[in-house]
Amino acid sequence: MRFIVDLEYGTDGVHGLVTREGCDRSEPFHGWLELLSVLESPRSRGNPWDVP
């Protein structure tokens, strides 16, 4: 799977948006750990808007 990561780094840390290949919806994140969580498989996270 491929991702487009729009990453910004500032005084309050890292934040941005992640878009999965073939998906029009971007997921926001704030912090390195949240970015890793967003990059996990949708099925392991149980996101209600992710389709199988």
Protein backbone atom coordinates (compact mmCIF):
# COMPACT_ATOMS: atom_id res chain seq x y z
CA MET A 1 0.00 0.00 0.00
CA ARG A 2 1.21 3.52 -0.75
CA PHE A 3 0.58 6.71 1.16
CA ILE A 4 0.85 10.42 0.50
CA VAL A 5 2.05 12.12 3.67
CA ASP A 6 1.73 15.88 4.00
CA LEU A 7 4.07 16.46 6.92
CA GLU A 8 4.69 19.71 8.76
CA TYR A 9 7.20 20.14 11.55
CA GLY A 10 7.05 23.11 13.86
CA THR A 11 7.62 24.20 17.42
CA ASP A 12 4.65 22.13 18.61
CA GLY A 13 5.91 18.93 16.94
CA VAL A 14 4.91 17.12 13.80
CA HIS A 15 1.42 17.13 12.24
CA GLY A 16 -0.24 16.73 8.87
CA LEU A 17 -2.43 14.54 6.67
CA VAL A 18 -2.11 11.01 5.31
CA THR A 19 -3.94 9.90 2.16
CA ARG A 20 -4.06 6.20 1.25
CA GLU A 21 -3.56 5.17 -2.36
CA GLY A 22 -6.93 5.03 -4.10
CA CYS A 23 -8.75 6.88 -1.32
CA ASP A 24 -10.03 10.46 -1.53
CA ARG A 25 -10.22 10.96 2.24
CA SER A 26 -7.20 12.25 4.16
CA GLU A 27 -6.65 11.37 7.81
CA PRO A 28 -5.15 14.01 10.11
CA PHE A 29 -2.45 13.21 12.66
CA HIS A 30 -0.57 15.10 15.36
CA GLY A 31 2.64 13.53 16.65
CA TRP A 32 4.86 10.69 15.52
CA LEU A 33 2.92 7.97 17.35
CA GLU A 34 -0.37 9.08 15.84
CA LEU A 35 1.24 9.05 12.37
CA LEU A 36 2.29 5.43 12.93
CA SER A 37 -1.23 4.61 14.06
CA VAL A 38 -2.70 6.15 10.89
CA LEU A 39 -0.30 4.10 8.76
CA GLU A 40 -1.48 0.83 10.34
CA SER A 41 -3.82 -1.44 8.46
CA PRO A 42 -7.41 -0.09 8.58
CA ARG A 43 -8.73 -3.51 9.64
CA SER A 44 -6.44 -3.66 12.66
CA ARG A 45 -7.60 -0.18 13.76
CA GLY A 46 -11.30 -0.76 13.08
CA ASN A 47 -11.98 2.61 11.45
CA PRO A 48 -15.72 2.84 10.78
CA TRP A 49 -15.31 4.70 7.46
CA ASP A 50 -12.73 2.30 5.97
CA VAL A 51 -14.23 -0.18 3.56
CA PRO A 52 -12.80 -3.73 3.24
